[in-house]
Amino acid sequence: MEKHREELYSLIGRTVILFQRYEYTFKSLLIRSLIVGTADTLKENFEERSLKIRKKSLGQLVAMYIDEFVTAENNTDVLDSDIYSSQFSIRVSMILDSISKDEMKKMYKSLVDDRNFVIHHLITELIPHDALSYQTMITKLSAINQKFELNLENLLIFHEAVSEGYRQLIEAQRR
């Protein structure tokens, strides 16, 4: 019984770390996904967007990610520019040919639902001092972790590509 309890607690910790990696990755991608402004306002606009995104929950981040990355919509934040203050707008998006937007929404909704289960409902389904209950939760969490880890690998590949592009953009700006 004690072994199951310790395994479950360890798995809960691992799952929470996965959730945090997701949130961090989504925040990093979203912050860098849109750079808008004049030469004078780029940095300020970037910092403002960064602050706004850092306060969002996983569900909000997923919705933003799907809306901003899957469909490159016109940005209403872009102001008209004149000859003296050129407006820059750099947007990162991806073209998906192997998965539809609806399938992606469904996949991420499932991940958010799994996260909500762990954070808000796991404790209500766990029966203290019941080895079978602990084993059931271990099985559920193991499946959730496996799904999260597989999807996170793909997200991190995209994150690496966006980060590299962003790094090159910053270096070009410094020249």
Protein backbone atom coordinates (compact mmCIF):
# COMPACT_ATOMS: atom_id res chain seq x y z
CA MET A 1 0.00 0.00 0.00
CA GLU A 2 2.77 2.46 0.95
CA LYS A 3 4.60 1.63 -2.30
CA HIS A 4 1.51 2.53 -4.37
CA ARG A 5 1.02 5.77 -2.47
CA GLU A 6 4.64 6.86 -2.99
CA GLU A 7 4.49 5.89 -6.69
CA LEU A 8 1.30 7.92 -7.12
CA TYR A 9 2.76 10.97 -5.38
CA SER A 10 5.86 10.77 -7.54
CA LEU A 11 3.71 10.48 -10.66
CA ILE A 12 1.60 13.49 -9.62
CA GLY A 13 4.79 15.55 -9.28
CA ARG A 14 6.01 14.41 -12.69
CA THR A 15 2.63 15.25 -14.23
CA VAL A 16 2.61 18.74 -12.73
CA ILE A 17 6.10 19.35 -14.13
CA LEU A 18 4.83 18.29 -17.57
CA PHE A 19 1.94 20.77 -17.26
CA GLN A 20 4.39 23.52 -16.36
CA ARG A 21 6.61 22.66 -19.36
CA TYR A 22 3.55 22.92 -21.59
CA GLU A 23 2.59 26.29 -20.17
CA TYR A 24 6.14 27.59 -20.47
CA THR A 25 6.45 26.34 -24.06
CA PHE A 26 3.11 27.83 -25.12
CA LYS A 27 3.96 31.14 -23.46
CA SER A 28 7.35 31.29 -25.12
CA LEU A 29 5.88 30.47 -28.55
CA LEU A 30 3.04 32.95 -28.22
CA ILE A 31 5.25 35.77 -26.99
CA ARG A 32 7.49 35.34 -30.02
CA SER A 33 4.72 34.65 -32.50
CA LEU A 34 3.87 38.28 -33.16
CA ILE A 35 6.23 41.21 -33.20
CA VAL A 36 4.49 44.46 -34.12
CA GLY A 37 5.27 48.14 -34.00
CA THR A 38 7.42 50.93 -35.29
CA ALA A 39 11.14 50.96 -34.69
CA ASP A 40 10.41 53.08 -31.60
CA THR A 41 7.65 50.85 -30.18
CA LEU A 42 8.75 47.29 -31.05
CA LYS A 43 10.43 46.63 -27.72
CA GLU A 44 7.61 48.18 -25.67
CA ASN A 45 4.94 46.27 -27.63
CA PHE A 46 6.88 43.04 -27.22
CA GLU A 47 7.17 43.52 -23.46
CA GLU A 48 3.47 44.39 -23.17
CA ARG A 49 2.47 41.26 -25.11
CA SER A 50 4.86 39.20 -23.00
CA LEU A 51 3.31 40.46 -19.76
CA LYS A 52 -0.23 39.76 -21.02
CA ILE A 53 0.60 36.22 -22.14
CA ARG A 54 2.48 35.26 -18.97
CA LYS A 55 -0.76 35.65 -16.95
CA LYS A 56 -2.80 33.20 -19.04
CA SER A 57 -3.86 29.70 -17.99
CA LEU A 58 -3.15 26.55 -20.01
CA GLY A 59 -6.66 26.56 -21.52
CA GLN A 60 -6.31 30.19 -22.60
CA LEU A 61 -2.84 29.53 -24.00
CA VAL A 62 -4.08 26.55 -26.02
CA ALA A 63 -6.89 28.62 -27.53
CA MET A 64 -4.47 31.43 -28.42
CA TYR A 65 -1.97 28.96 -29.85
CA ILE A 66 -4.54 27.35 -32.13
CA ASP A 67 -5.98 30.71 -33.23
CA GLU A 68 -2.66 32.42 -33.81
CA PHE A 69 -0.51 29.62 -35.15
CA VAL A 70 -2.91 27.53 -37.17
CA THR A 71 -4.61 30.45 -38.88
CA ALA A 72 -2.61 33.51 -39.72
CA GLU A 73 -5.27 36.15 -39.21
CA ASN A 74 -4.78 39.84 -39.79
CA ASN A 75 -3.72 41.57 -36.64
CA THR A 76 -5.96 44.44 -35.59
CA ASP A 77 -3.16 45.82 -33.38
CA VAL A 78 -1.21 47.01 -36.42
CA LEU A 79 -1.50 50.74 -36.84
CA ASP A 80 -1.26 52.65 -40.09
CA SER A 81 2.22 53.89 -40.69
CA ASP A 82 3.61 56.76 -42.64
CA ILE A 83 6.89 57.32 -44.40
CA TYR A 84 8.53 58.49 -41.16
CA SER A 85 7.44 55.62 -38.92
CA SER A 86 7.38 52.32 -40.77
CA GLN A 87 5.24 49.70 -39.09
CA PHE A 88 6.71 46.23 -38.65
CA SER A 89 4.61 43.13 -38.29
CA ILE A 90 6.25 39.74 -38.04
CA ARG A 91 3.93 36.80 -37.45
CA VAL A 92 4.88 33.17 -37.03
CA SER A 93 2.37 30.56 -38.11
CA MET A 94 2.36 26.98 -39.30
CA ILE A 95 0.68 25.24 -42.17
CA LEU A 96 -0.82 21.92 -41.20
CA ASP A 97 -1.50 19.37 -43.88
CA SER A 98 -1.70 16.27 -41.72
CA ILE A 99 -4.19 17.48 -39.10
CA SER A 100 -7.19 19.80 -39.30
CA LYS A 101 -7.77 22.72 -37.00
CA ASP A 102 -10.75 20.87 -35.47
CA GLU A 103 -8.58 17.80 -34.80
CA MET A 104 -5.96 20.00 -33.19
CA LYS A 105 -8.62 21.68 -31.02
CA LYS A 106 -9.90 18.26 -29.97
CA MET A 107 -6.39 17.03 -29.14
CA TYR A 108 -5.53 20.07 -27.03
CA LYS A 109 -8.95 20.11 -25.37
CA SER A 110 -8.24 16.55 -24.27
CA LEU A 111 -4.89 17.65 -22.81
CA VAL A 112 -6.49 20.57 -20.97
CA ASP A 113 -9.23 18.25 -19.69
CA ASP A 114 -6.56 15.82 -18.46
CA ARG A 115 -4.75 18.66 -16.72
CA ASN A 116 -7.98 19.82 -15.09
CA PHE A 117 -8.70 16.27 -13.93
CA VAL A 118 -5.30 16.00 -12.25
CA ILE A 119 -5.38 19.44 -10.67
CA HIS A 120 -9.05 19.64 -9.68
CA HIS A 121 -10.61 16.16 -9.58
CA LEU A 122 -8.00 13.49 -8.92
CA ILE A 123 -8.25 13.96 -5.19
CA THR A 124 -12.02 13.45 -5.24
CA GLU A 125 -11.62 10.08 -7.00
CA LEU A 126 -8.80 8.86 -4.78
CA ILE A 127 -9.82 6.75 -1.80
CA PRO A 128 -7.20 7.14 0.95
CA HIS A 129 -5.60 3.91 2.21
CA ASP A 130 -7.10 1.89 -0.66
CA ALA A 131 -4.41 0.16 -2.74
CA LEU A 132 -6.79 -0.44 -5.67
CA SER A 133 -7.71 3.26 -5.76
CA TYR A 134 -4.02 4.22 -5.79
CA GLN A 135 -3.33 1.72 -8.57
CA THR A 136 -6.27 3.08 -10.62
CA MET A 137 -4.91 6.62 -10.31
CA ILE A 138 -1.40 5.44 -11.22
CA THR A 139 -2.80 3.87 -14.39
CA LYS A 140 -4.75 7.03 -15.28
CA LEU A 141 -1.79 9.31 -14.63
CA SER A 142 0.59 7.08 -16.55
CA ALA A 143 -1.68 7.29 -19.60
CA ILE A 144 -1.97 11.07 -19.24
CA ASN A 145 1.80 11.44 -18.93
CA GLN A 146 2.42 9.29 -21.97
CA LYS A 147 0.04 11.43 -24.05
CA PHE A 148 1.55 14.67 -22.72
CA GLU A 149 5.13 13.54 -23.31
CA LEU A 150 4.47 12.49 -26.90
CA ASN A 151 2.70 15.74 -27.78
CA LEU A 152 5.29 17.82 -25.94
CA GLU A 153 8.06 16.37 -28.13
CA ASN A 154 6.30 17.71 -31.23
CA LEU A 155 5.60 21.07 -29.60
CA LEU A 156 9.24 21.41 -28.54
CA ILE A 157 10.44 20.79 -32.11
CA PHE A 158 8.25 23.66 -33.29
CA HIS A 159 9.39 25.78 -30.33
CA GLU A 160 13.03 25.19 -31.25
CA ALA A 161 12.40 26.31 -34.85
CA VAL A 162 10.57 29.47 -33.72
CA SER A 163 13.28 30.25 -31.14
CA GLU A 164 16.01 29.91 -33.76
CA GLY A 165 14.13 32.20 -36.16
CA TYR A 166 13.60 34.69 -33.36
CA ARG A 167 17.28 34.57 -32.42
CA GLN A 168 18.28 35.24 -36.02
CA LEU A 169 15.84 38.14 -36.22
CA ILE A 170 17.32 39.73 -33.08
CA GLU A 171 20.87 39.27 -34.41
CA ALA A 172 19.91 40.84 -37.74
CA GLN A 173 18.36 43.78 -35.90
CA ARG A 174 21.63 44.38 -34.01
CA ARG A 175 23.69 44.65 -37.22
